[in-house]
Every structure is written in C-alpha cells, then in structure tokens.
C-alpha cells in the first residue's frame, strides 16, 4: 500500500493506493499556517478492517510533525483515533 499526500490550495488529502487503485482517502482543510482540520475519512468497503484508515492517519500525523502544525480531528474516525492513541496527541489541536 502506498499513501500519497496531495494538496491544492487550502484543501488536501492522503490517498491510499494498492495496485494503482484508490482504496482510501482522508481529506483535510488548511486552517491557517499552523493547523489542519481532518474532515473526512473513507475506505473502500471491500478493504475495511485492514487498518487503512490508521495508516492514512499516521501519515497525516507524520506530516503535521514534519511541518510543525496541529491537527483538529472533526472526522469521527480521526477523533476516535486521537482519543484512543496517546502517542499521536502531540499534534492534537487543543
């Protein structure tokens, strides 16, 4: 699985690809120079249960760390993941 980061203007997304096919997407909006808002996570129904959402989220966390920005998780999946995993909360916008 490959995770691609794509950003155009104030919108961005992390896309999960396998064998050239998109199997997941996590989208976000830029909310200033130091914050992104994760607003949606979607995984192909045939691929659910494989941890694809978490792989995309960890790529978003890596991006946030590398760019010294914070993440506001409005998407229910991302919010629940931040609530469960203390190891990624360093990038959580509070």
PDB file of N, CA and C in Angstrom:
ATOM      1  N   UNK A   1       0.851  -1.178   0.000  1.00  0.00           N
ATOM      2  CA  UNK A   1       0.000   0.000   0.000  1.00  0.00           C
ATOM      3  C   UNK A   1       0.897   1.242   0.000  1.00  0.00           C
ATOM      4  N   UNK A   2       0.510   2.207  -0.791  1.00  0.00           N
ATOM      5  CA  UNK A   2       1.202   3.488  -0.888  1.00  0.00           C
ATOM      6  C   UNK A   2       0.240   4.570  -0.413  1.00  0.00           C
ATOM      7  N   UNK A   3       0.754   5.506   0.396  1.00  0.00           N
ATOM      8  CA  UNK A   3      -0.046   6.650   0.810  1.00  0.00           C
ATOM      9  C   UNK A   3       0.528   7.880   0.117  1.00  0.00           C
ATOM     10  N   UNK A   4      -0.301   8.549  -0.669  1.00  0.00           N
ATOM     11  CA  UNK A   4       0.109   9.778  -1.348  1.00  0.00           C
ATOM     12  C   UNK A   4      -0.522  10.971  -0.648  1.00  0.00           C
ATOM     13  N   UNK A   5       0.273  12.027  -0.517  1.00  0.00           N
ATOM     14  CA  UNK A   5      -0.247  13.277   0.031  1.00  0.00           C
ATOM     15  C   UNK A   5      -0.434  14.238  -1.126  1.00  0.00           C
ATOM     16  N   UNK A   6      -1.618  14.797  -1.225  1.00  0.00           N
ATOM     17  CA  UNK A   6      -1.936  15.750  -2.281  1.00  0.00           C
ATOM     18  C   UNK A   6      -2.525  16.991  -1.634  1.00  0.00           C
ATOM     19  N   UNK A   7      -2.019  18.164  -2.041  1.00  0.00           N
ATOM     20  CA  UNK A   7      -2.572  19.409  -1.512  1.00  0.00           C
ATOM     21  C   UNK A   7      -2.689  20.407  -2.641  1.00  0.00           C
ATOM     22  N   UNK A   8      -3.837  21.065  -2.670  1.00  0.00           N
ATOM     23  CA  UNK A   8      -4.085  22.115  -3.654  1.00  0.00           C
ATOM     24  C   UNK A   8      -4.806  23.248  -2.944  1.00  0.00           C
ATOM     25  N   UNK A   9      -4.115  24.357  -2.803  1.00  0.00           N
ATOM     26  CA  UNK A   9      -4.703  25.487  -2.098  1.00  0.00           C
ATOM     27  C   UNK A   9      -4.945  25.151  -0.648  1.00  0.00           C
ATOM     28  N   UNK A  10      -6.169  25.363  -0.190  1.00  0.00           N
ATOM     29  CA  UNK A  10      -6.487  25.137   1.214  1.00  0.00           C
ATOM     30  C   UNK A  10      -7.078  23.752   1.483  1.00  0.00           C
ATOM     31  N   UNK A  11      -7.040  22.885   0.500  1.00  0.00           N
ATOM     32  CA  UNK A  11      -7.567  21.525   0.658  1.00  0.00           C
ATOM     33  C   UNK A  11      -6.442  20.516   0.430  1.00  0.00           C
ATOM     34  N   UNK A  12      -6.530  19.409   1.142  1.00  0.00           N
ATOM     35  CA  UNK A  12      -5.539  18.355   0.963  1.00  0.00           C
ATOM     36  C   UNK A  12      -6.149  17.006   1.276  1.00  0.00           C
ATOM     37  N   UNK A  13      -5.374  15.981   0.955  1.00  0.00           N
ATOM     38  CA  UNK A  13      -5.853  14.630   1.251  1.00  0.00           C
ATOM     39  C   UNK A  13      -4.694  13.654   1.254  1.00  0.00           C
ATOM     40  N   UNK A  14      -4.890  12.588   1.982  1.00  0.00           N
ATOM     41  CA  UNK A  14      -3.980  11.461   1.989  1.00  0.00           C
ATOM     42  C   UNK A  14      -4.748  10.321   1.321  1.00  0.00           C
ATOM     43  N   UNK A  15      -4.164   9.772   0.269  1.00  0.00           N
ATOM     44  CA  UNK A  15      -4.842   8.758  -0.528  1.00  0.00           C
ATOM     45  C   UNK A  15      -4.094   7.443  -0.401  1.00  0.00           C
ATOM     46  N   UNK A  16      -4.831   6.384  -0.073  1.00  0.00           N
ATOM     47  CA  UNK A  16      -4.256   5.040  -0.001  1.00  0.00           C
ATOM     48  C   UNK A  16      -4.455   4.357  -1.343  1.00  0.00           C
ATOM     49  N   UNK A  17      -3.359   3.877  -1.907  1.00  0.00           N
ATOM     50  CA  UNK A  17      -3.395   3.193  -3.195  1.00  0.00           C
ATOM     51  C   UNK A  17      -2.821   1.790  -3.060  1.00  0.00           C
ATOM     52  N   UNK A  18      -3.462   0.856  -3.744  1.00  0.00           N
ATOM     53  CA  UNK A  18      -2.943  -0.510  -3.803  1.00  0.00           C
ATOM     54  C   UNK A  18      -3.135  -1.012  -5.222  1.00  0.00           C
ATOM     55  N   UNK A  19      -2.042  -1.429  -5.823  1.00  0.00           N
ATOM     56  CA  UNK A  19      -2.060  -1.875  -7.228  1.00  0.00           C
ATOM     57  C   UNK A  19      -2.672  -0.818  -8.142  1.00  0.00           C
ATOM     58  N   UNK A  20      -2.368   0.457  -7.866  1.00  0.00           N
ATOM     59  CA  UNK A  20      -2.851   1.553  -8.698  1.00  0.00           C
ATOM     60  C   UNK A  20      -4.295   1.941  -8.465  1.00  0.00           C
ATOM     61  N   UNK A  21      -4.966   1.280  -7.530  1.00  0.00           N
ATOM     62  CA  UNK A  21      -6.381   1.554  -7.251  1.00  0.00           C
ATOM     63  C   UNK A  21      -6.502   2.284  -5.925  1.00  0.00           C
ATOM     64  N   UNK A  22      -7.330   3.338  -5.898  1.00  0.00           N
ATOM     65  CA  UNK A  22      -7.579   4.057  -4.655  1.00  0.00           C
ATOM     66  C   UNK A  22      -8.467   3.223  -3.753  1.00  0.00           C
ATOM     67  N   UNK A  23      -7.962   2.976  -2.530  1.00  0.00           N
ATOM     68  CA  UNK A  23      -8.733   2.169  -1.581  1.00  0.00           C
ATOM     69  C   UNK A  23      -9.100   2.956  -0.325  1.00  0.00           C
ATOM     70  N   UNK A  24      -8.620   4.199  -0.228  1.00  0.00           N
ATOM     71  CA  UNK A  24      -8.967   5.018   0.923  1.00  0.00           C
ATOM     72  C   UNK A  24      -8.565   6.465   0.722  1.00  0.00           C
ATOM     73  N   UNK A  25      -9.228   7.344   1.479  1.00  0.00           N
ATOM     74  CA  UNK A  25      -8.926   8.766   1.400  1.00  0.00           C
ATOM     75  C   UNK A  25      -9.242   9.429   2.736  1.00  0.00           C
ATOM     76  N   UNK A  26      -8.326  10.300   3.158  1.00  0.00           N
ATOM     77  CA  UNK A  26      -8.538  11.137   4.339  1.00  0.00           C
ATOM     78  C   UNK A  26      -8.341  12.571   3.883  1.00  0.00           C
ATOM     79  N   UNK A  27      -9.393  13.385   3.980  1.00  0.00           N
ATOM     80  CA  UNK A  27      -9.301  14.756   3.484  1.00  0.00           C
ATOM     81  C   UNK A  27      -9.189  15.737   4.643  1.00  0.00           C
ATOM     82  N   UNK A  28      -8.586  16.886   4.328  1.00  0.00           N
ATOM     83  CA  UNK A  28      -8.426  17.928   5.333  1.00  0.00           C
ATOM     84  C   UNK A  28      -8.502  19.299   4.691  1.00  0.00           C
ATOM     85  N   UNK A  29      -8.710  20.298   5.547  1.00  0.00           N
ATOM     86  CA  UNK A  29      -8.683  21.695   5.137  1.00  0.00           C
ATOM     87  C   UNK A  29      -7.578  22.386   5.925  1.00  0.00           C
ATOM     88  N   UNK A  30      -6.891  23.295   5.268  1.00  0.00           N
ATOM     89  CA  UNK A  30      -5.879  24.099   5.935  1.00  0.00           C
ATOM     90  C   UNK A  30      -6.598  25.225   6.666  1.00  0.00           C
ATOM     91  N   UNK A  31      -6.301  25.365   7.944  1.00  0.00           N
ATOM     92  CA  UNK A  31      -6.955  26.386   8.766  1.00  0.00           C
ATOM     93  C   UNK A  31      -5.893  27.321   9.339  1.00  0.00           C
ATOM     94  N   UNK A  32      -5.158  27.945   8.461  1.00  0.00           N
ATOM     95  CA  UNK A  32      -4.089  28.841   8.884  1.00  0.00           C
ATOM     96  C   UNK A  32      -2.732  28.185   8.698  1.00  0.00           C
ATOM     97  N   UNK A  33      -1.677  28.917   9.041  1.00  0.00           N
ATOM     98  CA  UNK A  33      -0.329  28.419   8.792  1.00  0.00           C
ATOM     99  C   UNK A  33       0.105  27.281   9.710  1.00  0.00           C
ATOM    100  N   UNK A  34      -0.638  27.057  10.798  1.00  0.00           N
ATOM    101  CA  UNK A  34      -0.184  26.058  11.767  1.00  0.00           C
ATOM    102  C   UNK A  34      -1.254  25.038  12.161  1.00  0.00           C
ATOM    103  N   UNK A  35      -2.285  24.874  11.315  1.00  0.00           N
ATOM    104  CA  UNK A  35      -3.355  23.933  11.680  1.00  0.00           C
ATOM    105  C   UNK A  35      -4.042  23.364  10.440  1.00  0.00           C
ATOM    106  N   UNK A  36      -4.365  22.063  10.520  1.00  0.00           N
ATOM    107  CA  UNK A  36      -5.227  21.433   9.517  1.00  0.00           C
ATOM    108  C   UNK A  36      -6.415  20.805  10.241  1.00  0.00           C
ATOM    109  N   UNK A  37      -7.519  20.700   9.525  1.00  0.00           N
ATOM    110  CA  UNK A  37      -8.736  20.088  10.062  1.00  0.00           C
ATOM    111  C   UNK A  37      -9.035  18.843   9.234  1.00  0.00           C
ATOM    112  N   UNK A  38      -8.923  17.682   9.865  1.00  0.00           N
ATOM    113  CA  UNK A  38      -9.303  16.436   9.179  1.00  0.00           C
ATOM    114  C   UNK A  38     -10.817  16.351   9.218  1.00  0.00           C
ATOM    115  N   UNK A  39     -11.435  16.347   8.032  1.00  0.00           N
ATOM    116  CA  UNK A  39     -12.891  16.414   7.979  1.00  0.00           C
ATOM    117  C   UNK A  39     -13.582  15.159   7.449  1.00  0.00           C
ATOM    118  N   UNK A  40     -12.799  14.232   6.876  1.00  0.00           N
ATOM    119  CA  UNK A  40     -13.458  13.046   6.317  1.00  0.00           C
ATOM    120  C   UNK A  40     -12.448  11.922   6.114  1.00  0.00           C
ATOM    121  N   UNK A  41     -12.864  10.720   6.442  1.00  0.00           N
ATOM    122  CA  UNK A  41     -12.068   9.521   6.169  1.00  0.00           C
ATOM    123  C   UNK A  41     -12.994   8.496   5.540  1.00  0.00           C
ATOM    124  N   UNK A  42     -12.523   7.915   4.456  1.00  0.00           N
ATOM    125  CA  UNK A  42     -13.331   6.910   3.767  1.00  0.00           C
ATOM    126  C   UNK A  42     -12.426   5.794   3.272  1.00  0.00           C
ATOM    127  N   UNK A  43     -12.883   4.546   3.448  1.00  0.00           N
ATOM    128  CA  UNK A  43     -12.146   3.370   2.983  1.00  0.00           C
ATOM    129  C   UNK A  43     -13.107   2.533   2.147  1.00  0.00           C
ATOM    130  N   UNK A  44     -12.589   2.008   1.047  1.00  0.00           N
ATOM    131  CA  UNK A  44     -13.382   1.123   0.188  1.00  0.00           C
ATOM    132  C   UNK A  44     -14.004   0.023   1.054  1.00  0.00           C
ATOM    133  N   UNK A  45     -15.310  -0.206   0.940  1.00  0.00           N
ATOM    134  CA  UNK A  45     -15.979  -1.211   1.773  1.00  0.00           C
ATOM    135  C   UNK A  45     -15.321  -2.597   1.712  1.00  0.00           C
ATOM    136  N   UNK A  46     -14.762  -2.957   0.571  1.00  0.00           N
ATOM    137  CA  UNK A  46     -14.109  -4.267   0.440  1.00  0.00           C
ATOM    138  C   UNK A  46     -12.779  -4.326   1.187  1.00  0.00           C
ATOM    139  N   UNK A  47     -12.267  -3.169   1.592  1.00  0.00           N
ATOM    140  CA  UNK A  47     -10.964  -3.097   2.258  1.00  0.00           C
ATOM    141  C   UNK A  47     -11.072  -2.802   3.756  1.00  0.00           C
ATOM    142  N   UNK A  48     -12.296  -2.666   4.257  1.00  0.00           N
ATOM    143  CA  UNK A  48     -12.477  -2.329   5.677  1.00  0.00           C
ATOM    144  C   UNK A  48     -11.895  -3.420   6.577  1.00  0.00           C
ATOM    145  N   UNK A  49     -11.418  -2.978   7.734  1.00  0.00           N
ATOM    146  CA  UNK A  49     -10.866  -3.911   8.707  1.00  0.00           C
ATOM    147  C   UNK A  49      -9.393  -4.199   8.516  1.00  0.00           C
ATOM    148  N   UNK A  50      -8.754  -3.547   7.568  1.00  0.00           N
ATOM    149  CA  UNK A  50      -7.336  -3.788   7.281  1.00  0.00           C
ATOM    150  C   UNK A  50      -6.432  -2.704   7.847  1.00  0.00           C
ATOM    151  N   UNK A  51      -6.994  -1.744   8.569  1.00  0.00           N
ATOM    152  CA  UNK A  51      -6.188  -0.699   9.183  1.00  0.00           C
ATOM    153  C   UNK A  51      -5.787   0.428   8.250  1.00  0.00           C
ATOM    154  N   UNK A  52      -6.445   0.534   7.110  1.00  0.00           N
ATOM    155  CA  UNK A  52      -6.087   1.550   6.114  1.00  0.00           C
ATOM    156  C   UNK A  52      -6.317   2.955   6.660  1.00  0.00           C
ATOM    157  N   UNK A  53      -7.393   3.147   7.376  1.00  0.00           N
ATOM    158  CA  UNK A  53      -7.673   4.455   7.966  1.00  0.00           C
ATOM    159  C   UNK A  53      -6.565   4.883   8.919  1.00  0.00           C
ATOM    160  N   UNK A  54      -6.074   3.951   9.717  1.00  0.00           N
ATOM    161  CA  UNK A  54      -4.996   4.274  10.652  1.00  0.00           C
ATOM    162  C   UNK A  54      -3.697   4.589   9.922  1.00  0.00           C
ATOM    163  N   UNK A  55      -3.411   3.885   8.854  1.00  0.00           N
ATOM    164  CA  UNK A  55      -2.196   4.171   8.084  1.00  0.00           C
ATOM    165  C   UNK A  55      -2.261   5.589   7.522  1.00  0.00           C
ATOM    166  N   UNK A  56      -3.408   5.979   7.001  1.00  0.00           N
ATOM    167  CA  UNK A  56      -3.555   7.346   6.485  1.00  0.00           C
ATOM    168  C   UNK A  56      -3.438   8.367   7.613  1.00  0.00           C
ATOM    169  N   UNK A  57      -4.042   8.070   8.766  1.00  0.00           N
ATOM    170  CA  UNK A  57      -3.968   8.983   9.897  1.00  0.00           C
ATOM    171  C   UNK A  57      -2.522   9.153  10.363  1.00  0.00           C
ATOM    172  N   UNK A  58      -1.774   8.071  10.445  1.00  0.00           N
ATOM    173  CA  UNK A  58      -0.375   8.171  10.886  1.00  0.00           C
ATOM    174  C   UNK A  58       0.461   8.955   9.876  1.00  0.00           C
ATOM    175  N   UNK A  59       0.116   8.885   8.609  1.00  0.00           N
ATOM    176  CA  UNK A  59       0.793   9.700   7.601  1.00  0.00           C
ATOM    177  C   UNK A  59       0.450  11.177   7.818  1.00  0.00           C
ATOM    178  N   UNK A  60      -0.792  11.467   8.172  1.00  0.00           N
ATOM    179  CA  UNK A  60      -1.187  12.843   8.471  1.00  0.00           C
ATOM    180  C   UNK A  60      -0.456  13.353   9.711  1.00  0.00           C
ATOM    181  N   UNK A  61      -0.304  12.504  10.721  1.00  0.00           N
ATOM    182  CA  UNK A  61       0.422  12.880  11.939  1.00  0.00           C
ATOM    183  C   UNK A  61       1.896  13.136  11.608  1.00  0.00           C
ATOM    184  N   UNK A  62       2.476  12.298  10.785  1.00  0.00           N
ATOM    185  CA  UNK A  62       3.866  12.493  10.350  1.00  0.00           C
ATOM    186  C   UNK A  62       4.009  13.830   9.617  1.00  0.00           C
ATOM    187  N   UNK A  63       3.072  14.134   8.744  1.00  0.00           N
ATOM    188  CA  UNK A  63       3.073  15.398   8.018  1.00  0.00           C
ATOM    189  C   UNK A  63       2.985  16.573   9.004  1.00  0.00           C
ATOM    190  N   UNK A  64       2.106  16.458   9.991  1.00  0.00           N
ATOM    191  CA  UNK A  64       1.945  17.523  10.981  1.00  0.00           C
ATOM    192  C   UNK A  64       3.238  17.721  11.773  1.00  0.00           C
ATOM    193  N   UNK A  65       3.854  16.641  12.185  1.00  0.00           N
ATOM    194  CA  UNK A  65       5.118  16.747  12.933  1.00  0.00           C
ATOM    195  C   UNK A  65       6.206  17.385  12.081  1.00  0.00           C
ATOM    196  N   UNK A  66       6.319  16.947  10.852  1.00  0.00           N
ATOM    197  CA  UNK A  66       7.366  17.461   9.954  1.00  0.00           C
ATOM    198  C   UNK A  66       7.198  18.948   9.656  1.00  0.00           C
ATOM    199  N   UNK A  67       5.958  19.436   9.727  1.00  0.00           N
ATOM    200  CA  UNK A  67       5.673  20.820   9.358  1.00  0.00           C
ATOM    201  C   UNK A  67       5.261  21.698  10.546  1.00  0.00           C
ATOM    202  N   UNK A  68       5.429  21.177  11.760  1.00  0.00           N
ATOM    203  CA  UNK A  68       5.118  21.914  12.990  1.00  0.00           C
ATOM    204  C   UNK A  68       3.712  22.514  12.962  1.00  0.00           C
ATOM    205  N   UNK A  69       2.741  21.665  12.615  1.00  0.00           N
ATOM    206  CA  UNK A  69       1.351  22.101  12.621  1.00  0.00           C
ATOM    207  C   UNK A  69       0.530  21.192  13.533  1.00  0.00           C
ATOM    208  N   UNK A  70      -0.632  21.654  13.893  1.00  0.00           N
ATOM    209  CA  UNK A  70      -1.539  20.897  14.750  1.00  0.00           C
ATOM    210  C   UNK A  70      -2.710  20.376  13.922  1.00  0.00           C
ATOM    211  N   UNK A  71      -3.367  19.361  14.452  1.00  0.00           N
ATOM    212  CA  UNK A  71      -4.479  18.703  13.767  1.00  0.00           C
ATOM    213  C   UNK A  71      -5.739  18.831  14.617  1.00  0.00           C
ATOM    214  N   UNK A  72      -6.804  19.289  13.992  1.00  0.00           N
ATOM    215  CA  UNK A  72      -8.121  19.307  14.620  1.00  0.00           C
ATOM    216  C   UNK A  72      -8.949  18.215  13.935  1.00  0.00           C
ATOM    217  N   UNK A  73      -9.213  17.101  14.632  1.00  0.00           N
ATOM    218  CA  UNK A  73      -9.943  15.988  14.012  1.00  0.00           C
ATOM    219  C   UNK A  73     -11.454  16.141  14.150  1.00  0.00           C
ATOM    220  N   UNK A  74     -12.113  16.636  13.119  1.00  0.00           N
ATOM    221  CA  UNK A  74     -13.572  16.730  13.140  1.00  0.00           C
ATOM    222  C   UNK A  74     -14.226  15.453  12.619  1.00  0.00           C
ATOM    223  N   UNK A  75     -13.521  14.717  11.806  1.00  0.00           N
ATOM    224  CA  UNK A  75     -13.997  13.430  11.299  1.00  0.00           C
ATOM    225  C   UNK A  75     -14.139  12.465  12.486  1.00  0.00           C
ATOM    226  N   UNK A  76     -15.258  11.761  12.616  1.00  0.00           N
ATOM    227  CA  UNK A  76     -15.450  10.844  13.750  1.00  0.00           C
ATOM    228  C   UNK A  76     -14.351   9.785  13.874  1.00  0.00           C
ATOM    229  N   UNK A  77     -13.883   9.252  12.749  1.00  0.00           N
ATOM    230  CA  UNK A  77     -12.822   8.245  12.804  1.00  0.00           C
ATOM    231  C   UNK A  77     -11.543   8.842  13.372  1.00  0.00           C
ATOM    232  N   UNK A  78     -11.130   9.996  12.846  1.00  0.00           N
ATOM    233  CA  UNK A  78      -9.889  10.624  13.307  1.00  0.00           C
ATOM    234  C   UNK A  78     -10.016  11.028  14.777  1.00  0.00           C
ATOM    235  N   UNK A  79     -11.169  11.579  15.171  1.00  0.00           N
ATOM    236  CA  UNK A  79     -11.370  11.980  16.569  1.00  0.00           C
ATOM    237  C   UNK A  79     -11.258  10.780  17.492  1.00  0.00           C
ATOM    238  N   UNK A  80     -11.904   9.692  17.156  1.00  0.00           N
ATOM    239  CA  UNK A  80     -11.847   8.480  17.986  1.00  0.00           C
ATOM    240  C   UNK A  80     -10.412   7.949  18.065  1.00  0.00           C
ATOM    241  N   UNK A  81      -9.677   8.041  16.973  1.00  0.00           N
ATOM    242  CA  UNK A  81      -8.290   7.567  16.965  1.00  0.00           C
ATOM    243  C   UNK A  81      -7.419   8.409  17.881  1.00  0.00           C
ATOM    244  N   UNK A  82      -7.599   9.721  17.856  1.00  0.00           N
ATOM    245  CA  UNK A  82      -6.842  10.595  18.757  1.00  0.00           C
ATOM    246  C   UNK A  82      -7.234  10.329  20.212  1.00  0.00           C
ATOM    247  N   UNK A  83      -8.507  10.046  20.459  1.00  0.00           N
ATOM    248  CA  UNK A  83      -8.967   9.749  21.819  1.00  0.00           C
ATOM    249  C   UNK A  83      -8.321   8.467  22.353  1.00  0.00           C
ATOM    250  N   UNK A  84      -8.100   7.486  21.492  1.00  0.00           N
ATOM    251  CA  UNK A  84      -7.559   6.192  21.900  1.00  0.00           C
ATOM    252  C   UNK A  84      -6.040   6.156  21.981  1.00  0.00           C
ATOM    253  N   UNK A  85      -5.347   6.874  21.093  1.00  0.00           N
ATOM    254  CA  UNK A  85      -3.900   6.713  20.954  1.00  0.00           C
ATOM    255  C   UNK A  85      -3.152   7.929  21.506  1.00  0.00           C
ATOM    256  N   UNK A  86      -2.578   7.776  22.693  1.00  0.00           N
ATOM    257  CA  UNK A  86      -1.849   8.885  23.323  1.00  0.00           C
ATOM    258  C   UNK A  86      -0.577   9.246  22.559  1.00  0.00           C
ATOM    259  N   UNK A  87      -0.055   8.348  21.750  1.00  0.00           N
ATOM    260  CA  UNK A  87       1.213   8.559  21.051  1.00  0.00           C
ATOM    261  C   UNK A  87       1.123   9.553  19.893  1.00  0.00           C
ATOM    262  N   UNK A  88      -0.084   9.933  19.509  1.00  0.00           N
ATOM    263  CA  UNK A  88      -0.231  10.898  18.413  1.00  0.00           C
ATOM    264  C   UNK A  88      -0.779  12.243  18.891  1.00  0.00           C
ATOM    265  N   UNK A  89      -1.044  12.350  20.160  1.00  0.00           N
ATOM    266  CA  UNK A  89      -1.670  13.563  20.691  1.00  0.00           C
ATOM    267  C   UNK A  89      -0.753  14.778  20.702  1.00  0.00           C
ATOM    268  N   UNK A  90       0.534  14.589  20.431  1.00  0.00           N
ATOM    269  CA  UNK A  90       1.444  15.742  20.401  1.00  0.00           C
ATOM    270  C   UNK A  90       1.074  16.718  19.290  1.00  0.00           C
ATOM    271  N   UNK A  91       0.351  16.249  18.269  1.00  0.00           N
ATOM    272  CA  UNK A  91      -0.055  17.127  17.179  1.00  0.00           C
ATOM    273  C   UNK A  91      -1.529  17.561  17.283  1.00  0.00           C
ATOM    274  N   UNK A  92      -2.194  17.145  18.342  1.00  0.00           N
ATOM    275  CA  UNK A  92      -3.615  17.456  18.527  1.00  0.00           C
ATOM    276  C   UNK A  92      -3.796  18.923  18.883  1.00  0.00           C
ATOM    277  N   UNK A  93      -4.670  19.592  18.155  1.00  0.00           N
ATOM    278  CA  UNK A  93      -5.005  20.985  18.453  1.00  0.00           C
ATOM    279  C   UNK A  93      -5.952  21.017  19.632  1.00  0.00           C
ATOM    280  N   UNK A  94      -5.591  21.770  20.656  1.00  0.00           N
ATOM    281  CA  UNK A  94      -6.440  21.816  21.863  1.00  0.00           C
ATOM    282  C   UNK A  94      -6.916  23.229  22.121  1.00  0.00           C
TER     283      UNK A  94
END
